């Protein structure tokens, strides 16, 4: 009976550990997706309000690119980290 309980505890801890490591990456992806969507909406609003070639639209395009770069860098870091684990 004690051996079965130990086995169940180890199995449960393994499952919780595996699920716990994937949740932060998903949360980051959701956060990035939301930030990109917001930056796109701000760009669209600036184009509608001030025009395609306005200074405000240009600023919003730069902000959108910055958000995409930051999110892309984080996304790449997660993939690099995953690849490191695959090789070990």
C-alpha atoms as a PDB file:
ATOM      1  CA  UNK A   1       0.000   0.000   0.000  1.00  0.00           C
ATOM      2  CA  UNK A   2       2.803   2.446   0.873  1.00  0.00           C
ATOM      3  CA  UNK A   3       4.524   1.744  -2.445  1.00  0.00           C
ATOM      4  CA  UNK A   4       1.295   2.562  -4.338  1.00  0.00           C
ATOM      5  CA  UNK A   5       0.913   5.851  -2.440  1.00  0.00           C
ATOM      6  CA  UNK A   6       4.515   6.812  -3.203  1.00  0.00           C
ATOM      7  CA  UNK A   7       4.024   5.993  -6.864  1.00  0.00           C
ATOM      8  CA  UNK A   8       0.848   8.090  -6.978  1.00  0.00           C
ATOM      9  CA  UNK A   9       2.606  11.017  -5.271  1.00  0.00           C
ATOM     10  CA  UNK A  10       5.529  10.905  -7.704  1.00  0.00           C
ATOM     11  CA  UNK A  11       3.150  10.693 -10.650  1.00  0.00           C
ATOM     12  CA  UNK A  12       1.079  13.609  -9.363  1.00  0.00           C
ATOM     13  CA  UNK A  13       4.153  15.769  -8.746  1.00  0.00           C
ATOM     14  CA  UNK A  14       5.444  14.995 -12.233  1.00  0.00           C
ATOM     15  CA  UNK A  15       2.143  15.977 -13.851  1.00  0.00           C
ATOM     16  CA  UNK A  16       1.910  19.193 -11.819  1.00  0.00           C
ATOM     17  CA  UNK A  17       5.525  20.023 -12.665  1.00  0.00           C
ATOM     18  CA  UNK A  18       5.013  19.508 -16.380  1.00  0.00           C
ATOM     19  CA  UNK A  19       1.798  21.526 -16.452  1.00  0.00           C
ATOM     20  CA  UNK A  20       3.364  24.299 -14.396  1.00  0.00           C
ATOM     21  CA  UNK A  21       6.260  24.781 -16.816  1.00  0.00           C
ATOM     22  CA  UNK A  22       4.001  25.270 -19.830  1.00  0.00           C
ATOM     23  CA  UNK A  23       1.558  27.746 -18.262  1.00  0.00           C
ATOM     24  CA  UNK A  24       3.841  30.826 -18.081  1.00  0.00           C
ATOM     25  CA  UNK A  25       4.790  30.488 -21.749  1.00  0.00           C
ATOM     26  CA  UNK A  26       1.118  30.377 -22.718  1.00  0.00           C
ATOM     27  CA  UNK A  27       0.375  33.413 -20.553  1.00  0.00           C
ATOM     28  CA  UNK A  28       3.215  35.315 -22.251  1.00  0.00           C
ATOM     29  CA  UNK A  29       1.863  34.349 -25.667  1.00  0.00           C
ATOM     30  CA  UNK A  30      -1.618  35.585 -24.721  1.00  0.00           C
ATOM     31  CA  UNK A  31      -0.201  38.816 -23.318  1.00  0.00           C
ATOM     32  CA  UNK A  32       1.845  39.413 -26.477  1.00  0.00           C
ATOM     33  CA  UNK A  33      -1.109  38.658 -28.705  1.00  0.00           C
ATOM     34  CA  UNK A  34      -3.194  41.170 -26.768  1.00  0.00           C
ATOM     35  CA  UNK A  35      -0.460  43.854 -26.941  1.00  0.00           C
ATOM     36  CA  UNK A  36      -0.044  43.357 -30.687  1.00  0.00           C
ATOM     37  CA  UNK A  37      -3.807  43.569 -31.195  1.00  0.00           C
ATOM     38  CA  UNK A  38      -3.957  46.797 -29.152  1.00  0.00           C
ATOM     39  CA  UNK A  39      -1.061  48.333 -31.087  1.00  0.00           C
ATOM     40  CA  UNK A  40      -2.746  47.413 -34.384  1.00  0.00           C
ATOM     41  CA  UNK A  41      -5.979  49.021 -33.189  1.00  0.00           C
ATOM     42  CA  UNK A  42      -4.118  52.209 -32.218  1.00  0.00           C
ATOM     43  CA  UNK A  43      -2.466  52.298 -35.640  1.00  0.00           C
ATOM     44  CA  UNK A  44      -5.797  51.853 -37.395  1.00  0.00           C
ATOM     45  CA  UNK A  45      -7.314  54.622 -35.285  1.00  0.00           C
ATOM     46  CA  UNK A  46      -4.413  56.975 -36.063  1.00  0.00           C
ATOM     47  CA  UNK A  47      -4.699  56.285 -39.802  1.00  0.00           C
ATOM     48  CA  UNK A  48      -8.452  56.908 -39.708  1.00  0.00           C
ATOM     49  CA  UNK A  49      -8.108  60.069 -37.669  1.00  0.00           C
ATOM     50  CA  UNK A  50      -4.915  61.683 -38.996  1.00  0.00           C
ATOM     51  CA  UNK A  51      -4.236  59.991 -42.330  1.00  0.00           C
ATOM     52  CA  UNK A  52      -2.024  57.216 -43.680  1.00  0.00           C
ATOM     53  CA  UNK A  53       1.147  59.329 -43.853  1.00  0.00           C
ATOM     54  CA  UNK A  54       0.649  61.376 -40.680  1.00  0.00           C
ATOM     55  CA  UNK A  55       3.249  61.686 -37.938  1.00  0.00           C
ATOM     56  CA  UNK A  56       0.878  59.975 -35.504  1.00  0.00           C
ATOM     57  CA  UNK A  57       0.372  57.003 -37.851  1.00  0.00           C
ATOM     58  CA  UNK A  58       4.147  56.756 -38.273  1.00  0.00           C
ATOM     59  CA  UNK A  59       4.597  56.710 -34.466  1.00  0.00           C
ATOM     60  CA  UNK A  60       1.944  54.005 -34.112  1.00  0.00           C
ATOM     61  CA  UNK A  61       3.634  51.885 -36.806  1.00  0.00           C
ATOM     62  CA  UNK A  62       6.914  52.134 -34.920  1.00  0.00           C
ATOM     63  CA  UNK A  63       5.186  51.174 -31.674  1.00  0.00           C
ATOM     64  CA  UNK A  64       3.571  48.178 -33.374  1.00  0.00           C
ATOM     65  CA  UNK A  65       6.950  47.046 -34.722  1.00  0.00           C
ATOM     66  CA  UNK A  66       8.522  47.412 -31.262  1.00  0.00           C
ATOM     67  CA  UNK A  67       5.800  45.293 -29.681  1.00  0.00           C
ATOM     68  CA  UNK A  68       6.184  42.645 -32.384  1.00  0.00           C
ATOM     69  CA  UNK A  69       9.960  42.621 -31.932  1.00  0.00           C
ATOM     70  CA  UNK A  70       9.719  42.290 -28.153  1.00  0.00           C
ATOM     71  CA  UNK A  71       7.153  39.530 -28.408  1.00  0.00           C
ATOM     72  CA  UNK A  72       9.119  37.817 -31.150  1.00  0.00           C
ATOM     73  CA  UNK A  73      12.266  37.906 -29.025  1.00  0.00           C
ATOM     74  CA  UNK A  74      10.442  36.364 -26.078  1.00  0.00           C
ATOM     75  CA  UNK A  75       8.851  33.789 -28.341  1.00  0.00           C
ATOM     76  CA  UNK A  76      12.249  32.899 -29.814  1.00  0.00           C
ATOM     77  CA  UNK A  77      13.733  32.618 -26.310  1.00  0.00           C
ATOM     78  CA  UNK A  78      11.068  30.066 -25.376  1.00  0.00           C
ATOM     79  CA  UNK A  79      11.809  28.057 -28.502  1.00  0.00           C
ATOM     80  CA  UNK A  80      15.578  28.207 -27.862  1.00  0.00           C
ATOM     81  CA  UNK A  81      14.982  27.043 -24.307  1.00  0.00           C
ATOM     82  CA  UNK A  82      12.832  24.179 -25.583  1.00  0.00           C
ATOM     83  CA  UNK A  83      15.493  23.209 -28.136  1.00  0.00           C
ATOM     84  CA  UNK A  84      18.138  23.143 -25.392  1.00  0.00           C
ATOM     85  CA  UNK A  85      16.043  20.607 -23.497  1.00  0.00           C
ATOM     86  CA  UNK A  86      15.547  18.514 -26.626  1.00  0.00           C
ATOM     87  CA  UNK A  87      19.293  18.103 -27.114  1.00  0.00           C
ATOM     88  CA  UNK A  88      19.998  16.881 -23.572  1.00  0.00           C
END
